[in-house]
Amino acid sequence: MIDILWYCYLAFLAIAAIAILITGYKETLGKLDFVFSVITWIGLFGYVTNTQILTPLVWKFVFVIGLLWDVYFSFKKFNEEVNDDEDTPQSIKLTIIGITVIFLMGPLYFGIFNYAFK
């Protein structure tokens, strides 16, 4: 049962990456985010399918750099999108993006962590 959930999550991330590719980011940071997304997806794919792709040392770097990048990019993008909303306090905005990042990206980095460090 757990394997099915992982495969569903992999499919969800792949669909999201394809949607981003189709709609396209016009700025350099968006393109860089897409590259990070593809690399982290490959790591999660290796974890879920129990296939050795590259070395664990590479995935350790991917885990750290990808996690830092996703946190930075998520907060940056969120602040750009809700900048016009003056009614909602900043603390509530940050809480919403924090919870969203944890629930959507948490399983990804859980899998990459296990793939790199175990």
N, C-alpha and C. Protein backbone atom coordinates (compact mmCIF):
# COMPACT_ATOMS: atom_id res chain seq x y z
N MET A 1 0.82 -1.20 0.00
CA MET A 1 0.00 0.00 0.00
C MET A 1 0.86 1.26 0.00
N ILE A 2 1.92 1.24 0.80
CA ILE A 2 2.80 2.41 0.87
C ILE A 2 3.45 2.66 -0.49
N ASP A 3 3.83 1.60 -1.20
CA ASP A 3 4.45 1.77 -2.52
C ASP A 3 3.52 2.50 -3.48
N ILE A 4 2.24 2.19 -3.42
CA ILE A 4 1.27 2.84 -4.30
C ILE A 4 1.22 4.34 -4.01
N LEU A 5 1.26 4.71 -2.74
CA LEU A 5 1.24 6.12 -2.38
C LEU A 5 2.49 6.84 -2.88
N TRP A 6 3.64 6.17 -2.79
CA TRP A 6 4.87 6.77 -3.30
C TRP A 6 4.79 6.97 -4.80
N TYR A 7 4.27 5.97 -5.52
CA TYR A 7 4.13 6.10 -6.97
C TYR A 7 3.14 7.22 -7.33
N CYS A 8 2.08 7.35 -6.57
CA CYS A 8 1.13 8.45 -6.80
C CYS A 8 1.80 9.79 -6.56
N TYR A 9 2.61 9.88 -5.53
CA TYR A 9 3.32 11.12 -5.25
C TYR A 9 4.32 11.43 -6.36
N LEU A 10 5.02 10.40 -6.85
CA LEU A 10 5.93 10.60 -7.98
C LEU A 10 5.18 11.13 -9.20
N ALA A 11 4.02 10.56 -9.47
CA ALA A 11 3.21 11.01 -10.61
C ALA A 11 2.75 12.45 -10.41
N PHE A 12 2.35 12.79 -9.19
CA PHE A 12 1.92 14.15 -8.88
C PHE A 12 3.05 15.14 -9.15
N LEU A 13 4.26 14.82 -8.69
CA LEU A 13 5.40 15.71 -8.92
C LEU A 13 5.75 15.80 -10.41
N ALA A 14 5.65 14.69 -11.12
CA ALA A 14 5.96 14.70 -12.55
C ALA A 14 4.95 15.57 -13.31
N ILE A 15 3.68 15.45 -12.97
CA ILE A 15 2.65 16.25 -13.61
C ILE A 15 2.86 17.73 -13.31
N ALA A 16 3.20 18.03 -12.07
CA ALA A 16 3.46 19.42 -11.69
C ALA A 16 4.65 19.98 -12.46
N ALA A 17 5.71 19.19 -12.61
CA ALA A 17 6.89 19.64 -13.35
C ALA A 17 6.56 19.86 -14.82
N ILE A 18 5.77 18.98 -15.39
CA ILE A 18 5.39 19.13 -16.80
C ILE A 18 4.50 20.36 -16.98
N ALA A 19 3.61 20.59 -16.03
CA ALA A 19 2.75 21.78 -16.10
C ALA A 19 3.58 23.05 -16.03
N ILE A 20 4.59 23.04 -15.18
CA ILE A 20 5.47 24.21 -15.08
C ILE A 20 6.26 24.38 -16.38
N LEU A 21 6.68 23.27 -16.97
CA LEU A 21 7.43 23.34 -18.22
C LEU A 21 6.55 23.90 -19.35
N ILE A 22 5.29 23.48 -19.39
CA ILE A 22 4.38 23.94 -20.45
C ILE A 22 4.04 25.42 -20.27
N THR A 23 3.66 25.79 -19.04
CA THR A 23 3.31 27.19 -18.79
C THR A 23 4.55 28.06 -18.83
N GLY A 24 5.65 27.48 -18.42
CA GLY A 24 6.95 28.12 -18.54
C GLY A 24 7.20 29.26 -17.60
N TYR A 25 8.37 29.24 -17.04
CA TYR A 25 8.86 30.38 -16.27
C TYR A 25 9.65 31.25 -17.22
N LYS A 26 9.44 32.51 -17.15
CA LYS A 26 10.15 33.43 -18.03
C LYS A 26 11.47 33.89 -17.43
N GLU A 27 11.58 33.82 -16.12
CA GLU A 27 12.77 34.34 -15.46
C GLU A 27 13.78 33.23 -15.19
N THR A 28 14.99 33.62 -14.96
CA THR A 28 16.09 32.67 -14.74
C THR A 28 15.87 31.83 -13.49
N LEU A 29 15.38 32.43 -12.41
CA LEU A 29 15.16 31.67 -11.18
C LEU A 29 14.11 30.59 -11.38
N GLY A 30 13.12 30.85 -12.18
CA GLY A 30 12.10 29.84 -12.47
C GLY A 30 12.67 28.66 -13.23
N LYS A 31 13.53 28.95 -14.18
CA LYS A 31 14.17 27.87 -14.94
C LYS A 31 15.10 27.05 -14.04
N LEU A 32 15.79 27.74 -13.15
CA LEU A 32 16.66 27.04 -12.20
C LEU A 32 15.83 26.17 -11.25
N ASP A 33 14.67 26.66 -10.85
CA ASP A 33 13.77 25.88 -10.01
C ASP A 33 13.32 24.61 -10.72
N PHE A 34 13.04 24.72 -12.01
CA PHE A 34 12.65 23.54 -12.78
C PHE A 34 13.77 22.51 -12.81
N VAL A 35 15.00 22.96 -12.99
CA VAL A 35 16.15 22.05 -13.00
C VAL A 35 16.27 21.34 -11.65
N PHE A 36 16.15 22.09 -10.55
CA PHE A 36 16.20 21.48 -9.23
C PHE A 36 15.06 20.48 -9.04
N SER A 37 13.90 20.81 -9.55
CA SER A 37 12.75 19.91 -9.43
C SER A 37 13.00 18.59 -10.14
N VAL A 38 13.56 18.66 -11.33
CA VAL A 38 13.84 17.44 -12.09
C VAL A 38 14.89 16.59 -11.38
N ILE A 39 15.95 17.22 -10.88
CA ILE A 39 17.01 16.48 -10.19
C ILE A 39 16.48 15.82 -8.93
N THR A 40 15.70 16.55 -8.14
CA THR A 40 15.17 15.95 -6.91
C THR A 40 14.16 14.86 -7.23
N TRP A 41 13.41 15.02 -8.32
CA TRP A 41 12.46 13.98 -8.72
C TRP A 41 13.20 12.69 -9.09
N ILE A 42 14.32 12.83 -9.77
CA ILE A 42 15.12 11.65 -10.12
C ILE A 42 15.59 10.94 -8.85
N GLY A 43 16.01 11.70 -7.85
CA GLY A 43 16.43 11.09 -6.59
C GLY A 43 15.29 10.36 -5.91
N LEU A 44 14.12 10.97 -5.90
CA LEU A 44 12.96 10.30 -5.30
C LEU A 44 12.58 9.06 -6.09
N PHE A 45 12.69 9.12 -7.40
CA PHE A 45 12.42 7.96 -8.25
C PHE A 45 13.36 6.81 -7.89
N GLY A 46 14.63 7.12 -7.70
CA GLY A 46 15.59 6.10 -7.30
C GLY A 46 15.24 5.49 -5.96
N TYR A 47 14.78 6.32 -5.02
CA TYR A 47 14.39 5.82 -3.70
C TYR A 47 13.17 4.91 -3.78
N VAL A 48 12.16 5.36 -4.51
CA VAL A 48 10.90 4.61 -4.58
C VAL A 48 11.08 3.30 -5.31
N THR A 49 11.84 3.30 -6.39
CA THR A 49 12.03 2.08 -7.17
C THR A 49 13.20 1.23 -6.65
N ASN A 50 13.90 1.71 -5.62
CA ASN A 50 15.03 1.01 -5.04
C ASN A 50 16.11 0.75 -6.10
N THR A 51 16.39 1.78 -6.90
CA THR A 51 17.38 1.72 -7.97
C THR A 51 18.52 2.67 -7.63
N GLN A 52 19.75 2.21 -7.75
CA GLN A 52 20.90 3.07 -7.47
C GLN A 52 21.19 3.95 -8.67
N ILE A 53 20.98 5.24 -8.50
CA ILE A 53 21.27 6.24 -9.53
C ILE A 53 22.35 7.14 -8.95
N LEU A 54 23.47 7.20 -9.59
CA LEU A 54 24.64 7.94 -9.09
C LEU A 54 25.06 7.40 -7.72
N THR A 55 25.80 8.18 -6.96
CA THR A 55 26.30 7.72 -5.67
C THR A 55 25.55 8.41 -4.53
N PRO A 56 25.56 7.81 -3.35
CA PRO A 56 24.90 8.47 -2.21
C PRO A 56 25.47 9.86 -1.90
N LEU A 57 26.76 10.06 -2.16
CA LEU A 57 27.35 11.37 -1.92
C LEU A 57 26.67 12.46 -2.76
N VAL A 58 26.36 12.15 -4.00
CA VAL A 58 25.67 13.11 -4.87
C VAL A 58 24.31 13.45 -4.28
N TRP A 59 23.60 12.45 -3.78
CA TRP A 59 22.26 12.68 -3.25
C TRP A 59 22.30 13.42 -1.91
N LYS A 60 23.40 13.30 -1.20
CA LYS A 60 23.55 14.10 0.02
C LYS A 60 23.63 15.58 -0.33
N PHE A 61 24.41 15.90 -1.37
CA PHE A 61 24.50 17.29 -1.82
C PHE A 61 23.15 17.76 -2.39
N VAL A 62 22.51 16.90 -3.16
CA VAL A 62 21.20 17.25 -3.73
C VAL A 62 20.20 17.52 -2.61
N PHE A 63 20.23 16.70 -1.57
CA PHE A 63 19.30 16.88 -0.46
C PHE A 63 19.48 18.26 0.18
N VAL A 64 20.71 18.60 0.53
CA VAL A 64 20.98 19.86 1.23
C VAL A 64 20.70 21.06 0.32
N ILE A 65 21.26 21.04 -0.88
CA ILE A 65 21.11 22.18 -1.79
C ILE A 65 19.66 22.31 -2.25
N GLY A 66 19.02 21.19 -2.56
CA GLY A 66 17.63 21.24 -3.00
C GLY A 66 16.69 21.74 -1.92
N LEU A 67 16.91 21.30 -0.70
CA LEU A 67 16.05 21.75 0.41
C LEU A 67 16.20 23.25 0.64
N LEU A 68 17.45 23.71 0.67
CA LEU A 68 17.68 25.15 0.83
C LEU A 68 17.06 25.94 -0.32
N TRP A 69 17.22 25.44 -1.53
CA TRP A 69 16.66 26.13 -2.69
C TRP A 69 15.14 26.19 -2.61
N ASP A 70 14.50 25.07 -2.31
CA ASP A 70 13.03 25.05 -2.29
C ASP A 70 12.47 25.97 -1.21
N VAL A 71 13.10 26.01 -0.06
CA VAL A 71 12.63 26.92 0.99
C VAL A 71 12.78 28.36 0.54
N TYR A 72 13.94 28.70 0.00
CA TYR A 72 14.19 30.06 -0.49
C TYR A 72 13.21 30.44 -1.60
N PHE A 73 13.10 29.58 -2.61
CA PHE A 73 12.27 29.89 -3.77
C PHE A 73 10.79 29.97 -3.40
N SER A 74 10.35 29.09 -2.51
CA SER A 74 8.94 29.09 -2.10
C SER A 74 8.58 30.40 -1.40
N PHE A 75 9.41 30.82 -0.45
CA PHE A 75 9.12 32.06 0.25
C PHE A 75 9.24 33.27 -0.68
N LYS A 76 10.20 33.24 -1.58
CA LYS A 76 10.37 34.35 -2.53
C LYS A 76 9.15 34.45 -3.44
N LYS A 77 8.75 33.34 -4.01
CA LYS A 77 7.60 33.33 -4.93
C LYS A 77 6.32 33.71 -4.19
N PHE A 78 6.16 33.19 -2.99
CA PHE A 78 4.96 33.49 -2.21
C PHE A 78 4.89 34.98 -1.89
N ASN A 79 6.00 35.57 -1.50
CA ASN A 79 6.00 37.00 -1.19
C ASN A 79 5.69 37.84 -2.42
N GLU A 80 6.13 37.41 -3.59
CA GLU A 80 5.81 38.15 -4.81
C GLU A 80 4.32 38.08 -5.12
N GLU A 81 3.72 36.92 -4.89
CA GLU A 81 2.32 36.73 -5.26
C GLU A 81 1.34 37.38 -4.28
N VAL A 82 1.70 37.45 -3.02
CA VAL A 82 0.76 38.02 -2.03
C VAL A 82 1.17 39.41 -1.60
N ASN A 83 2.03 40.03 -2.33
CA ASN A 83 2.48 41.38 -2.00
C ASN A 83 1.34 42.39 -2.05
N ASP A 84 0.37 42.13 -2.93
CA ASP A 84 -0.76 43.05 -3.08
C ASP A 84 -1.78 42.93 -1.96
N ASP A 85 -1.76 41.84 -1.23
CA ASP A 85 -2.74 41.60 -0.17
C ASP A 85 -2.29 42.30 1.11
N GLU A 86 -2.88 43.45 1.38
CA GLU A 86 -2.51 44.23 2.57
C GLU A 86 -3.34 43.86 3.79
N ASP A 87 -4.46 43.15 3.59
CA ASP A 87 -5.38 42.85 4.68
C ASP A 87 -4.87 41.72 5.59
N THR A 88 -4.17 40.76 5.02
CA THR A 88 -3.70 39.61 5.79
C THR A 88 -2.36 39.90 6.43
N PRO A 89 -2.24 39.62 7.73
CA PRO A 89 -0.95 39.87 8.40
C PRO A 89 0.17 38.99 7.82
N GLN A 90 1.39 39.49 7.86
CA GLN A 90 2.55 38.78 7.32
C GLN A 90 2.75 37.43 8.01
N SER A 91 2.50 37.35 9.30
CA SER A 91 2.70 36.08 10.02
C SER A 91 1.76 35.00 9.50
N ILE A 92 0.55 35.35 9.15
CA ILE A 92 -0.39 34.37 8.61
C ILE A 92 0.06 33.93 7.22
N LYS A 93 0.54 34.87 6.42
CA LYS A 93 1.04 34.53 5.09
C LYS A 93 2.21 33.55 5.18
N LEU A 94 3.13 33.81 6.09
CA LEU A 94 4.29 32.92 6.25
C LEU A 94 3.88 31.55 6.78
N THR A 95 2.90 31.52 7.66
CA THR A 95 2.41 30.25 8.19
C THR A 95 1.79 29.41 7.08
N ILE A 96 1.02 30.05 6.22
CA ILE A 96 0.38 29.33 5.12
C ILE A 96 1.43 28.73 4.19
N ILE A 97 2.43 29.51 3.80
CA ILE A 97 3.45 28.98 2.89
C ILE A 97 4.29 27.91 3.59
N GLY A 98 4.55 28.08 4.87
CA GLY A 98 5.32 27.07 5.60
C GLY A 98 4.60 25.73 5.65
N ILE A 99 3.32 25.76 5.95
CA ILE A 99 2.54 24.52 6.01
C ILE A 99 2.45 23.89 4.63
N THR A 100 2.25 24.71 3.61
CA THR A 100 2.17 24.20 2.24
C THR A 100 3.48 23.53 1.82
N VAL A 101 4.59 24.17 2.13
CA VAL A 101 5.89 23.61 1.78
C VAL A 101 6.12 22.28 2.51
N ILE A 102 5.76 22.23 3.77
CA ILE A 102 5.96 21.00 4.54
C ILE A 102 5.14 19.85 3.97
N PHE A 103 3.88 20.10 3.67
CA PHE A 103 3.02 19.01 3.18
C PHE A 103 3.31 18.61 1.74
N LEU A 104 3.68 19.57 0.90
CA LEU A 104 3.93 19.22 -0.49
C LEU A 104 5.36 18.75 -0.74
N MET A 105 6.32 19.34 -0.04
CA MET A 105 7.72 19.00 -0.28
C MET A 105 8.30 18.06 0.77
N GLY A 106 7.63 17.91 1.87
CA GLY A 106 8.12 17.04 2.94
C GLY A 106 8.39 15.61 2.49
N PRO A 107 7.42 14.96 1.83
CA PRO A 107 7.68 13.59 1.37
C PRO A 107 8.85 13.49 0.39
N LEU A 108 9.00 14.51 -0.45
CA LEU A 108 10.11 14.51 -1.41
C LEU A 108 11.45 14.46 -0.69
N TYR A 109 11.62 15.33 0.27
CA TYR A 109 12.90 15.39 0.96
C TYR A 109 13.07 14.26 1.98
N PHE A 110 11.98 13.71 2.46
CA PHE A 110 12.05 12.50 3.29
C PHE A 110 12.64 11.35 2.46
N GLY A 111 12.12 11.20 1.23
CA GLY A 111 12.61 10.15 0.35
C GLY A 111 14.06 10.36 -0.06
N ILE A 112 14.42 11.58 -0.41
CA ILE A 112 15.80 11.86 -0.82
C ILE A 112 16.74 11.66 0.36
N PHE A 113 16.32 12.08 1.56
CA PHE A 113 17.14 11.87 2.75
C PHE A 113 17.41 10.38 2.96
N ASN A 114 16.36 9.57 2.90
CA ASN A 114 16.53 8.13 3.06
C ASN A 114 17.39 7.53 1.96
N TYR A 115 17.24 8.04 0.76
CA TYR A 115 18.02 7.54 -0.38
C TYR A 115 19.49 7.89 -0.22
N ALA A 116 19.78 9.06 0.33
CA ALA A 116 21.17 9.51 0.44
C ALA A 116 21.88 8.97 1.68
N PHE A 117 21.18 8.87 2.78
CA PHE A 117 21.84 8.58 4.05
C PHE A 117 21.64 7.16 4.57
N LYS A 118 20.88 6.34 3.86
CA LYS A 118 20.69 4.95 4.34
C LYS A 118 21.16 3.95 3.33
